[in-house]
Amino acid sequence: MKKEYNSKAVDLGGLLKQMLKKISLQLNDPPFNFMIHTSPLHGDESELAY
């Protein structure tokens, strides 16, 4: 299972790199920050900050 997870992470990393490269090329290398925001997998909605 761990090997499958690592394989998916590598695939996702490659896809993210490709996507960011295309954005950069199409928008003439704009200054931007990319942030991945995640929320807890477990817990109720009352614990969320928003």
N, C-alpha and C. Protein backbone atom coordinates (compact mmCIF):
# COMPACT_ATOMS: atom_id res chain seq x y z
N MET A 1 0.83 -1.19 0.00
CA MET A 1 0.00 0.00 0.00
C MET A 1 0.87 1.26 0.00
N LYS A 2 1.97 1.24 0.76
CA LYS A 2 2.84 2.41 0.81
C LYS A 2 3.45 2.70 -0.56
N LYS A 3 3.79 1.64 -1.29
CA LYS A 3 4.37 1.81 -2.62
C LYS A 3 3.35 2.47 -3.56
N GLU A 4 2.09 2.05 -3.45
CA GLU A 4 1.03 2.64 -4.28
C GLU A 4 0.85 4.12 -3.94
N TYR A 5 0.90 4.45 -2.65
CA TYR A 5 0.77 5.84 -2.21
C TYR A 5 1.92 6.68 -2.77
N ASN A 6 3.13 6.17 -2.69
CA ASN A 6 4.29 6.90 -3.22
C ASN A 6 4.17 7.12 -4.72
N SER A 7 3.67 6.12 -5.43
CA SER A 7 3.49 6.24 -6.87
C SER A 7 2.48 7.33 -7.21
N LYS A 8 1.39 7.39 -6.46
CA LYS A 8 0.37 8.42 -6.69
C LYS A 8 0.91 9.80 -6.35
N ALA A 9 1.73 9.90 -5.31
CA ALA A 9 2.31 11.19 -4.93
C ALA A 9 3.26 11.68 -6.02
N VAL A 10 4.03 10.78 -6.60
CA VAL A 10 4.95 11.15 -7.68
C VAL A 10 4.14 11.61 -8.90
N ASP A 11 3.06 10.89 -9.22
CA ASP A 11 2.21 11.28 -10.35
C ASP A 11 1.59 12.65 -10.11
N LEU A 12 1.12 12.90 -8.90
CA LEU A 12 0.51 14.18 -8.56
C LEU A 12 1.55 15.30 -8.62
N GLY A 13 2.75 15.02 -8.15
CA GLY A 13 3.82 16.01 -8.20
C GLY A 13 4.18 16.39 -9.63
N GLY A 14 4.23 15.40 -10.51
CA GLY A 14 4.52 15.66 -11.92
C GLY A 14 3.42 16.47 -12.58
N LEU A 15 2.18 16.15 -12.24
CA LEU A 15 1.04 16.89 -12.79
C LEU A 15 1.05 18.34 -12.31
N LEU A 16 1.34 18.55 -11.03
CA LEU A 16 1.40 19.90 -10.48
C LEU A 16 2.51 20.71 -11.15
N LYS A 17 3.66 20.08 -11.34
CA LYS A 17 4.78 20.76 -12.00
C LYS A 17 4.42 21.17 -13.42
N GLN A 18 3.76 20.26 -14.15
CA GLN A 18 3.33 20.55 -15.51
C GLN A 18 2.33 21.70 -15.54
N MET A 19 1.37 21.67 -14.64
CA MET A 19 0.34 22.70 -14.59
C MET A 19 0.94 24.08 -14.29
N LEU A 20 1.83 24.15 -13.31
CA LEU A 20 2.43 25.43 -12.95
C LEU A 20 3.33 25.96 -14.07
N LYS A 21 4.00 25.05 -14.77
CA LYS A 21 4.83 25.47 -15.89
C LYS A 21 3.98 26.06 -17.01
N LYS A 22 2.82 25.44 -17.29
CA LYS A 22 1.93 25.94 -18.34
C LYS A 22 1.34 27.29 -17.95
N ILE A 23 0.96 27.45 -16.69
CA ILE A 23 0.44 28.74 -16.22
C ILE A 23 1.50 29.82 -16.41
N SER A 24 2.71 29.50 -16.02
CA SER A 24 3.81 30.46 -16.13
C SER A 24 4.06 30.87 -17.58
N LEU A 25 4.04 29.90 -18.49
CA LEU A 25 4.27 30.21 -19.90
C LEU A 25 3.13 31.03 -20.49
N GLN A 26 1.90 30.65 -20.21
CA GLN A 26 0.74 31.34 -20.81
C GLN A 26 0.56 32.75 -20.27
N LEU A 27 0.93 32.97 -19.03
CA LEU A 27 0.73 34.29 -18.42
C LEU A 27 2.01 35.12 -18.37
N ASN A 28 3.00 34.71 -19.16
CA ASN A 28 4.26 35.46 -19.27
C ASN A 28 4.99 35.58 -17.92
N ASP A 29 5.14 34.45 -17.26
CA ASP A 29 5.89 34.34 -16.01
C ASP A 29 5.43 35.33 -14.93
N PRO A 30 4.16 35.24 -14.51
CA PRO A 30 3.65 36.18 -13.51
C PRO A 30 4.17 35.84 -12.11
N PRO A 31 4.28 36.83 -11.25
CA PRO A 31 4.62 36.53 -9.86
C PRO A 31 3.38 35.99 -9.16
N PHE A 32 3.47 34.80 -8.62
CA PHE A 32 2.33 34.24 -7.89
C PHE A 32 2.83 33.26 -6.84
N ASN A 33 2.00 33.03 -5.86
CA ASN A 33 2.25 32.02 -4.83
C ASN A 33 1.20 30.94 -4.97
N PHE A 34 1.61 29.70 -4.86
CA PHE A 34 0.67 28.59 -4.93
C PHE A 34 0.59 27.98 -3.54
N MET A 35 -0.61 27.89 -3.00
CA MET A 35 -0.78 27.37 -1.65
C MET A 35 -1.77 26.22 -1.68
N ILE A 36 -1.43 25.14 -1.03
CA ILE A 36 -2.35 24.01 -0.88
C ILE A 36 -2.94 24.10 0.51
N HIS A 37 -4.26 24.23 0.57
CA HIS A 37 -4.95 24.35 1.86
C HIS A 37 -5.72 23.06 2.10
N THR A 38 -5.44 22.42 3.20
CA THR A 38 -6.15 21.19 3.53
C THR A 38 -6.89 21.36 4.84
N SER A 39 -7.89 20.54 5.03
CA SER A 39 -8.62 20.56 6.29
C SER A 39 -8.48 19.19 6.95
N PRO A 40 -8.75 19.10 8.23
CA PRO A 40 -8.64 17.81 8.92
C PRO A 40 -9.58 16.77 8.30
N LEU A 41 -9.13 15.53 8.27
CA LEU A 41 -9.96 14.46 7.73
C LEU A 41 -11.05 14.04 8.71
N HIS A 42 -10.77 14.16 9.98
CA HIS A 42 -11.73 13.72 10.99
C HIS A 42 -12.11 14.88 11.89
N GLY A 43 -13.28 14.82 12.44
CA GLY A 43 -13.75 15.88 13.32
C GLY A 43 -15.02 16.47 12.76
N ASP A 44 -15.71 17.20 13.58
CA ASP A 44 -16.95 17.79 13.08
C ASP A 44 -16.71 19.20 12.56
N GLU A 45 -17.68 19.72 11.87
CA GLU A 45 -17.54 21.02 11.22
C GLU A 45 -17.40 22.17 12.19
N SER A 46 -17.82 21.99 13.44
CA SER A 46 -17.73 23.09 14.41
C SER A 46 -16.28 23.40 14.77
N GLU A 47 -15.36 22.49 14.47
CA GLU A 47 -13.94 22.70 14.78
C GLU A 47 -13.24 23.55 13.72
N LEU A 48 -13.89 23.76 12.57
CA LEU A 48 -13.28 24.54 11.50
C LEU A 48 -13.23 26.01 11.86
N ALA A 49 -12.21 26.68 11.40
CA ALA A 49 -12.02 28.09 11.72
C ALA A 49 -12.93 29.00 10.90
N TYR A 50 -13.53 28.49 9.88
CA TYR A 50 -14.39 29.30 9.02
C TYR A 50 -15.73 28.66 8.81
